[in-house]
Amino acid sequence: MLKKFWRARFFKYYHQHGFIGTVGRIFREIWLVISKKRFVLYYVDLPISSTDKRTFPSNVQVLPKYNMEEINTDEMNVLASYRGIDVIKYHAKKRFDKGAILWLAKIDGKTAGMIWSLRGRTMEPYYFFLTDNDVHLFDNEIFKDYRGRGINTVLIERVLLELKNMGAIRAFISTNLRNKAEQRSLGKTSFKKFALARKFHILNRDISIWSKTATDL
């Protein structure tokens, strides 16, 4: 039934726009899919021997959560409003089981944002292999009522400081090329751009295509 629906739509479009118009539309759709897969990659070195002199707002806390039991009811309700309780619990369990840490940003005790970190590996195949002292930061979100206050910068910087204190040497994070707001936010942190790349999974193989290096970004 679904195939018949899309076939009917295809022929309707073809009759309206002709061969050239249809081919052009197909290539535009293909490019849209490819462009969505382009990510800006960032890194930051974490010299554990240096003395950090950064100061943070006193009303902002960043708390690590190492398992589901450490997430209280109020925090879970906020996370559930972000993606739904079933989705949150499913992903959280998988991530905690692999050793990931959930970092929650709190403003005056209210949950304002989150980010995950995983040391030595990534949840999904990455663009390259990580060492035991590398950390991947992912699934970063500041909740709607708290956006525009610079909380994301504080959250990431606090997490980087804590990771450094845990002995991590380098951290990585990435964002979609189309996400300009996230790029502006990361530009205010210690992270530095180093490449533009896309990743595909074809015939049970993970393929990374590097488009640009840091000097071109």
Protein backbone atom coordinates (compact mmCIF):
# COMPACT_ATOMS: atom_id res chain seq x y z
CA MET A 1 0.00 0.00 0.00
CA LEU A 2 2.80 2.36 0.94
CA LYS A 3 4.73 1.54 -2.24
CA LYS A 4 1.64 2.34 -4.33
CA PHE A 5 1.29 5.68 -2.52
CA TRP A 6 4.89 6.75 -3.23
CA ARG A 7 4.71 5.45 -6.80
CA ALA A 8 1.59 7.53 -7.41
CA ARG A 9 3.30 10.61 -5.94
CA PHE A 10 6.36 10.05 -8.11
CA PHE A 11 4.38 9.82 -11.37
CA LYS A 12 2.24 12.81 -10.40
CA TYR A 13 5.39 14.88 -9.84
CA TYR A 14 6.88 13.56 -13.08
CA HIS A 15 3.81 14.59 -15.09
CA GLN A 16 3.83 18.06 -13.51
CA HIS A 17 7.55 18.82 -13.80
CA GLY A 18 8.85 16.56 -16.58
CA PHE A 19 12.05 14.53 -16.80
CA ILE A 20 14.52 17.36 -16.07
CA GLY A 21 12.51 18.68 -13.16
CA THR A 22 12.15 15.20 -11.64
CA VAL A 23 15.85 14.41 -11.98
CA GLY A 24 16.68 17.77 -10.43
CA ARG A 25 14.38 17.04 -7.50
CA ILE A 26 15.98 13.63 -6.95
CA PHE A 27 19.48 15.15 -6.85
CA ARG A 28 18.30 17.88 -4.46
CA GLU A 29 16.87 15.26 -2.13
CA ILE A 30 20.06 13.23 -2.28
CA TRP A 31 22.15 16.32 -1.53
CA LEU A 32 19.87 17.19 1.39
CA VAL A 33 20.45 13.77 2.92
CA ILE A 34 24.21 14.03 2.39
CA SER A 35 24.45 17.59 3.73
CA LYS A 36 22.59 16.60 6.89
CA LYS A 37 25.35 14.09 7.57
CA ARG A 38 28.13 16.69 7.50
CA PHE A 39 29.46 17.38 10.97
CA VAL A 40 31.95 19.87 12.35
CA LEU A 41 34.41 18.07 14.65
CA TYR A 42 35.95 19.73 17.70
CA TYR A 43 38.66 18.77 20.17
CA VAL A 44 40.29 20.18 23.29
CA ASP A 45 43.42 19.11 25.14
CA LEU A 46 43.03 18.76 28.89
CA PRO A 47 46.45 19.25 30.54
CA ILE A 48 45.93 17.61 33.93
CA SER A 49 49.04 19.26 35.39
CA SER A 50 47.83 22.83 34.93
CA THR A 51 45.99 24.85 37.58
CA ASP A 52 42.57 25.89 36.38
CA LYS A 53 41.57 29.45 37.30
CA ARG A 54 38.14 29.56 35.68
CA THR A 55 35.26 30.88 37.77
CA PHE A 56 31.63 29.88 37.33
CA PRO A 57 28.30 31.43 38.39
CA SER A 58 27.49 30.43 41.95
CA ASN A 59 23.86 29.57 41.14
CA VAL A 60 24.82 27.05 38.44
CA GLN A 61 25.65 23.48 39.44
CA VAL A 62 26.82 20.65 37.21
CA LEU A 63 26.10 17.23 38.69
CA PRO A 64 27.28 13.85 37.35
CA LYS A 65 24.93 10.87 37.25
CA TYR A 66 26.50 7.42 36.97
CA ASN A 67 23.35 5.25 36.94
CA MET A 68 19.57 5.41 36.75
CA GLU A 69 19.17 5.29 40.53
CA GLU A 70 20.98 8.62 40.92
CA ILE A 71 18.41 10.46 38.76
CA ASN A 72 15.66 11.72 41.05
CA THR A 73 11.98 12.04 40.11
CA ASP A 74 12.09 15.76 39.31
CA GLU A 75 15.13 15.31 37.08
CA MET A 76 13.56 12.36 35.29
CA ASN A 77 10.39 14.37 34.66
CA VAL A 78 12.40 17.13 33.01
CA LEU A 79 14.35 14.64 30.89
CA ALA A 80 11.09 12.90 29.95
CA SER A 81 9.62 16.19 28.72
CA TYR A 82 12.61 16.46 26.38
CA ARG A 83 12.21 13.12 24.58
CA GLY A 84 9.65 11.00 26.38
CA ILE A 85 10.12 8.74 29.38
CA ASP A 86 10.47 5.48 27.43
CA VAL A 87 13.10 6.90 25.08
CA ILE A 88 15.07 8.48 27.92
CA LYS A 89 15.08 5.31 30.01
CA TYR A 90 16.04 3.14 27.03
CA HIS A 91 18.98 5.32 25.96
CA ALA A 92 20.07 6.06 29.53
CA LYS A 93 20.32 2.37 30.42
CA LYS A 94 22.38 1.59 27.31
CA ARG A 95 24.70 4.50 28.01
CA PHE A 96 25.15 3.82 31.71
CA ASP A 97 25.84 0.16 30.94
CA LYS A 98 28.75 1.27 28.72
CA GLY A 99 30.15 3.53 31.43
CA ALA A 100 28.81 6.87 30.19
CA ILE A 101 28.19 9.76 32.59
CA LEU A 102 25.15 12.01 32.40
CA TRP A 103 25.93 15.60 33.43
CA LEU A 104 23.01 17.78 34.49
CA ALA A 105 23.17 21.57 34.63
CA LYS A 106 21.14 23.04 37.50
CA ILE A 107 20.12 26.64 38.01
CA ASP A 108 18.94 27.38 41.55
CA GLY A 109 18.19 23.67 41.88
CA LYS A 110 16.19 23.42 38.64
CA THR A 111 17.38 21.10 35.84
CA ALA A 112 18.33 23.34 32.92
CA GLY A 113 20.38 21.18 30.57
CA MET A 114 22.37 18.02 30.04
CA ILE A 115 25.28 16.44 28.23
CA TRP A 116 26.70 12.91 28.15
CA SER A 117 30.34 11.83 28.23
CA LEU A 118 31.94 8.46 27.48
CA ARG A 119 35.62 7.72 27.97
CA GLY A 120 37.76 5.56 25.70
CA ARG A 121 35.06 4.82 23.13
CA THR A 122 31.81 6.08 21.62
CA MET A 123 28.25 4.74 21.66
CA GLU A 124 28.24 4.46 17.87
CA PRO A 125 31.18 4.14 15.43
CA TYR A 126 33.02 7.46 15.35
CA TYR A 127 35.19 9.08 12.69
CA PHE A 128 38.30 7.54 14.22
CA PHE A 129 39.32 5.41 17.21
CA LEU A 130 39.62 6.95 20.65
CA THR A 131 42.33 6.10 23.17
CA ASP A 132 41.66 5.20 26.80
CA ASN A 133 42.28 8.81 27.87
CA ASP A 134 40.02 10.37 25.23
CA VAL A 135 36.45 11.39 26.07
CA HIS A 136 33.52 11.84 23.72
CA LEU A 137 30.86 14.39 24.66
CA PHE A 138 27.45 13.97 23.03
CA ASP A 139 23.69 14.55 23.21
CA ASN A 140 24.07 18.09 24.50
CA GLU A 141 20.84 19.99 25.22
CA ILE A 142 19.80 23.11 27.07
CA PHE A 143 16.09 22.97 27.81
CA LYS A 144 13.81 25.56 26.23
CA ASP A 145 13.11 27.76 29.27
CA TYR A 146 16.84 28.22 29.94
CA ARG A 147 18.22 28.95 26.48
CA GLY A 148 19.95 32.23 25.68
CA ARG A 149 21.58 32.58 29.10
CA GLY A 150 25.00 31.15 28.29
CA ILE A 151 24.32 28.01 30.32
CA ASN A 152 25.69 25.69 27.64
CA THR A 153 29.13 27.28 27.89
CA VAL A 154 29.15 26.90 31.67
CA LEU A 155 27.93 23.29 31.45
CA ILE A 156 30.60 22.24 28.94
CA GLU A 157 33.44 24.07 30.68
CA ARG A 158 32.52 22.56 34.05
CA VAL A 159 32.34 19.09 32.52
CA LEU A 160 35.73 19.55 30.86
CA LEU A 161 37.22 20.60 34.20
CA GLU A 162 35.76 17.54 35.95
CA LEU A 163 36.97 15.24 33.18
CA LYS A 164 40.43 16.72 33.47
CA ASN A 165 40.38 16.03 37.21
CA MET A 166 39.41 12.42 36.40
CA GLY A 167 42.58 12.07 34.33
CA ALA A 168 41.23 12.54 30.82
CA ILE A 169 43.73 13.95 28.32
CA ARG A 170 41.59 15.03 25.38
CA ALA A 171 37.87 15.54 24.66
CA PHE A 172 35.92 15.48 21.41
CA ILE A 173 32.52 16.79 20.42
CA SER A 174 30.74 17.35 17.11
CA THR A 175 27.72 19.16 15.73
CA ASN A 176 25.80 19.17 12.47
CA LEU A 177 27.10 21.71 9.96
CA ARG A 178 23.59 23.13 9.68
CA ASN A 179 23.34 23.78 13.43
CA LYS A 180 24.74 27.31 13.51
CA ALA A 181 23.44 28.01 17.02
CA GLU A 182 25.38 25.07 18.46
CA GLN A 183 28.51 26.14 16.57
CA ARG A 184 28.25 29.64 18.04
CA SER A 185 27.84 28.15 21.50
CA LEU A 186 30.82 25.80 21.12
CA GLY A 187 32.84 28.76 19.85
CA LYS A 188 32.58 30.23 23.37
CA THR A 189 34.06 27.12 24.98
CA SER A 190 37.59 25.70 25.04
CA PHE A 191 36.80 23.42 22.09
CA LYS A 192 38.56 24.05 18.78
CA LYS A 193 37.36 23.06 15.31
CA PHE A 194 39.63 20.63 13.52
CA ALA A 195 37.68 19.08 10.65
CA LEU A 196 34.49 18.82 8.65
CA ALA A 197 33.49 15.23 7.91
CA ARG A 198 30.63 12.91 7.13
CA LYS A 199 30.10 9.30 8.06
CA PHE A 200 28.28 6.45 6.33
CA HIS A 201 27.50 2.83 7.14
CA ILE A 202 27.61 0.83 3.90
CA LEU A 203 27.73 -2.98 3.53
CA ASN A 204 28.54 -3.43 7.22
CA ARG A 205 31.43 -1.00 6.95
CA ASP A 206 31.79 2.43 8.53
CA ILE A 207 33.19 5.00 6.13
CA SER A 208 34.39 8.49 7.08
CA ILE A 209 34.85 11.15 4.42
CA TRP A 210 36.91 14.16 5.47
CA SER A 211 35.85 17.32 3.65
CA LYS A 212 37.95 19.99 5.30
CA THR A 213 40.63 20.46 7.92
CA ALA A 214 40.81 23.13 10.61
CA THR A 215 42.67 25.57 8.36
CA ASP A 216 39.77 25.51 5.87
CA LEU A 217 36.95 26.01 8.40
